[in-house]
Amino acid sequence: MKKILSVVWIAIALFTFALGQPALAADTGNGAKIFSANCAACHMGGRNVIMADKTLKKEALGKYGMDSMEAIITQVTNGKNAMPSFKGRLNASQIEEVAGYVLEQAENGWS
């Protein structure tokens, strides 16, 4: 009985640590480079030169439902309205890194 209980506790500990990791862990340092080369022309400092109210600031991302990795990845991949699709220009990993960078900067106030 003690052996079974030990195995159960070990399994719980392993699952806790394994599931505690973020689902999408992006390299935001590389995301910054990709953002600078591909996005900064329209979004320098988290702004939006095309649609001024749709910035990359935390409040605007939340207001427009763009405050998650999944939403930003979809937007960058497929484009929408004035924003072009980056599918073909950036690979999935690069898009994930840009999304992580945008969320990180939004949290830090684009400082």
C-alpha atoms as a PDB file:
ATOM      1  CA  MET A   1       0.000   0.000   0.000  1.00  0.00           C
ATOM      2  CA  LYS A   2       2.831   2.392   0.841  1.00  0.00           C
ATOM      3  CA  LYS A   3       4.448   1.616  -2.492  1.00  0.00           C
ATOM      4  CA  ILE A   4       1.264   2.468  -4.416  1.00  0.00           C
ATOM      5  CA  LEU A   5       0.812   5.677  -2.427  1.00  0.00           C
ATOM      6  CA  SER A   6       4.409   6.682  -3.172  1.00  0.00           C
ATOM      7  CA  VAL A   7       3.923   6.098  -6.882  1.00  0.00           C
ATOM      8  CA  VAL A   8       0.724   8.175  -6.838  1.00  0.00           C
ATOM      9  CA  TRP A   9       2.475  11.073  -5.073  1.00  0.00           C
ATOM     10  CA  ILE A  10       5.371  10.978  -7.519  1.00  0.00           C
ATOM     11  CA  ALA A  11       2.951  10.961 -10.449  1.00  0.00           C
ATOM     12  CA  ILE A  12       1.079  13.943  -9.005  1.00  0.00           C
ATOM     13  CA  ALA A  13       4.342  15.827  -8.510  1.00  0.00           C
ATOM     14  CA  LEU A  14       5.482  15.109 -12.072  1.00  0.00           C
ATOM     15  CA  PHE A  15       2.163  16.189 -13.583  1.00  0.00           C
ATOM     16  CA  THR A  16       2.148  19.353 -11.488  1.00  0.00           C
ATOM     17  CA  PHE A  17       5.571  20.410 -12.745  1.00  0.00           C
ATOM     18  CA  ALA A  18       4.955  19.294 -16.328  1.00  0.00           C
ATOM     19  CA  LEU A  19       1.614  21.062 -16.631  1.00  0.00           C
ATOM     20  CA  GLY A  20       2.831  24.175 -14.858  1.00  0.00           C
ATOM     21  CA  GLN A  21       4.960  25.225 -17.838  1.00  0.00           C
ATOM     22  CA  PRO A  22       3.494  27.770 -20.278  1.00  0.00           C
ATOM     23  CA  ALA A  23       1.883  26.240 -23.346  1.00  0.00           C
ATOM     24  CA  LEU A  24       3.669  28.602 -25.709  1.00  0.00           C
ATOM     25  CA  ALA A  25       7.107  29.645 -24.563  1.00  0.00           C
ATOM     26  CA  ALA A  26       8.373  32.185 -27.052  1.00  0.00           C
ATOM     27  CA  ASP A  27      11.903  33.575 -27.423  1.00  0.00           C
ATOM     28  CA  THR A  28      11.004  37.229 -26.932  1.00  0.00           C
ATOM     29  CA  GLY A  29      14.575  38.357 -27.579  1.00  0.00           C
ATOM     30  CA  ASN A  30      14.349  36.967 -31.078  1.00  0.00           C
ATOM     31  CA  GLY A  31      10.777  38.270 -31.263  1.00  0.00           C
ATOM     32  CA  ALA A  32      12.131  41.793 -30.711  1.00  0.00           C
ATOM     33  CA  LYS A  33      14.450  41.426 -33.715  1.00  0.00           C
ATOM     34  CA  ILE A  34      11.665  40.060 -35.902  1.00  0.00           C
ATOM     35  CA  PHE A  35       9.304  42.830 -34.743  1.00  0.00           C
ATOM     36  CA  SER A  36      11.910  45.472 -35.538  1.00  0.00           C
ATOM     37  CA  ALA A  37      12.432  44.097 -39.046  1.00  0.00           C
ATOM     38  CA  ASN A  38       8.785  43.399 -39.935  1.00  0.00           C
ATOM     39  CA  CYS A  39       6.366  45.275 -37.682  1.00  0.00           C
ATOM     40  CA  ALA A  40       8.000  48.448 -36.388  1.00  0.00           C
ATOM     41  CA  ALA A  41       7.191  50.486 -39.510  1.00  0.00           C
ATOM     42  CA  CYS A  42       3.529  50.500 -38.432  1.00  0.00           C
ATOM     43  CA  HIS A  43       3.808  49.588 -34.736  1.00  0.00           C
ATOM     44  CA  MET A  44       6.883  51.409 -33.386  1.00  0.00           C
ATOM     45  CA  GLY A  45       6.611  51.705 -29.612  1.00  0.00           C
ATOM     46  CA  GLY A  46       3.315  49.830 -29.590  1.00  0.00           C
ATOM     47  CA  ARG A  47       1.527  52.446 -31.679  1.00  0.00           C
ATOM     48  CA  ASN A  48      -0.456  51.912 -34.871  1.00  0.00           C
ATOM     49  CA  VAL A  49       0.164  54.442 -37.652  1.00  0.00           C
ATOM     50  CA  ILE A  50      -2.697  53.101 -39.811  1.00  0.00           C
ATOM     51  CA  MET A  51      -5.502  52.829 -37.218  1.00  0.00           C
ATOM     52  CA  ALA A  52      -4.459  55.034 -34.298  1.00  0.00           C
ATOM     53  CA  ASP A  53      -6.915  53.577 -31.759  1.00  0.00           C
ATOM     54  CA  LYS A  54      -5.870  49.958 -32.381  1.00  0.00           C
ATOM     55  CA  THR A  55      -2.475  50.088 -30.710  1.00  0.00           C
ATOM     56  CA  LEU A  56      -0.478  47.280 -29.183  1.00  0.00           C
ATOM     57  CA  LYS A  57      -0.894  48.785 -25.714  1.00  0.00           C
ATOM     58  CA  LYS A  58      -2.323  46.492 -23.041  1.00  0.00           C
ATOM     59  CA  GLU A  59      -5.669  48.309 -22.833  1.00  0.00           C
ATOM     60  CA  ALA A  60      -6.247  48.265 -26.593  1.00  0.00           C
ATOM     61  CA  LEU A  61      -5.226  44.620 -26.913  1.00  0.00           C
ATOM     62  CA  GLY A  62      -7.796  43.742 -24.244  1.00  0.00           C
ATOM     63  CA  LYS A  63     -10.481  45.962 -25.773  1.00  0.00           C
ATOM     64  CA  TYR A  64     -10.139  44.303 -29.180  1.00  0.00           C
ATOM     65  CA  GLY A  65      -9.681  40.729 -27.912  1.00  0.00           C
ATOM     66  CA  MET A  66      -6.031  40.580 -28.931  1.00  0.00           C
ATOM     67  CA  ASP A  67      -4.588  39.960 -25.460  1.00  0.00           C
ATOM     68  CA  SER A  68      -3.545  36.328 -25.929  1.00  0.00           C
ATOM     69  CA  MET A  69      -0.832  34.482 -27.816  1.00  0.00           C
ATOM     70  CA  GLU A  70      -3.436  32.680 -29.892  1.00  0.00           C
ATOM     71  CA  ALA A  71      -5.213  35.878 -30.984  1.00  0.00           C
ATOM     72  CA  ILE A  72      -1.972  37.649 -31.935  1.00  0.00           C
ATOM     73  CA  ILE A  73      -0.641  34.581 -33.753  1.00  0.00           C
ATOM     74  CA  THR A  74      -3.873  34.398 -35.764  1.00  0.00           C
ATOM     75  CA  GLN A  75      -3.739  38.124 -36.603  1.00  0.00           C
ATOM     76  CA  VAL A  76      -0.086  38.040 -37.693  1.00  0.00           C
ATOM     77  CA  THR A  77      -0.527  34.796 -39.633  1.00  0.00           C
ATOM     78  CA  ASN A  78      -3.731  35.711 -41.482  1.00  0.00           C
ATOM     79  CA  GLY A  79      -3.804  39.500 -41.401  1.00  0.00           C
ATOM     80  CA  LYS A  80      -7.045  41.464 -41.132  1.00  0.00           C
ATOM     81  CA  ASN A  81      -8.279  44.766 -42.503  1.00  0.00           C
ATOM     82  CA  ALA A  82      -5.217  46.973 -43.124  1.00  0.00           C
ATOM     83  CA  MET A  83      -2.804  44.457 -41.596  1.00  0.00           C
ATOM     84  CA  PRO A  84      -1.240  42.107 -44.125  1.00  0.00           C
ATOM     85  CA  SER A  85      -0.739  38.383 -43.602  1.00  0.00           C
ATOM     86  CA  PHE A  86       2.777  37.384 -42.637  1.00  0.00           C
ATOM     87  CA  LYS A  87       2.229  33.741 -43.597  1.00  0.00           C
ATOM     88  CA  GLY A  88       5.024  32.924 -46.008  1.00  0.00           C
ATOM     89  CA  ARG A  89       7.193  35.820 -44.820  1.00  0.00           C
ATOM     90  CA  LEU A  90       7.558  34.477 -41.280  1.00  0.00           C
ATOM     91  CA  ASN A  91       7.444  30.858 -40.154  1.00  0.00           C
ATOM     92  CA  ALA A  92       5.253  29.645 -37.272  1.00  0.00           C
ATOM     93  CA  SER A  93       8.081  29.879 -34.752  1.00  0.00           C
ATOM     94  CA  GLN A  94       8.895  33.465 -35.734  1.00  0.00           C
ATOM     95  CA  ILE A  95       5.241  34.461 -35.486  1.00  0.00           C
ATOM     96  CA  GLU A  96       5.044  32.896 -32.028  1.00  0.00           C
ATOM     97  CA  GLU A  97       8.163  34.820 -30.972  1.00  0.00           C
ATOM     98  CA  VAL A  98       6.689  38.112 -32.228  1.00  0.00           C
ATOM     99  CA  ALA A  99       3.427  37.400 -30.371  1.00  0.00           C
ATOM    100  CA  GLY A 100       5.347  36.730 -27.165  1.00  0.00           C
ATOM    101  CA  TYR A 101       7.319  39.925 -27.618  1.00  0.00           C
ATOM    102  CA  VAL A 102       4.157  41.995 -28.199  1.00  0.00           C
ATOM    103  CA  LEU A 103       2.494  40.613 -25.057  1.00  0.00           C
ATOM    104  CA  GLU A 104       5.651  41.147 -23.005  1.00  0.00           C
ATOM    105  CA  GLN A 105       5.970  44.747 -24.196  1.00  0.00           C
ATOM    106  CA  ALA A 106       2.279  45.430 -23.590  1.00  0.00           C
ATOM    107  CA  GLU A 107       2.676  44.225 -20.000  1.00  0.00           C
ATOM    108  CA  ASN A 108       5.717  46.507 -19.568  1.00  0.00           C
ATOM    109  CA  GLY A 109       4.059  49.552 -21.141  1.00  0.00           C
ATOM    110  CA  TRP A 110       6.220  49.415 -24.283  1.00  0.00           C
ATOM    111  CA  SER A 111       9.154  50.927 -22.393  1.00  0.00           C
END
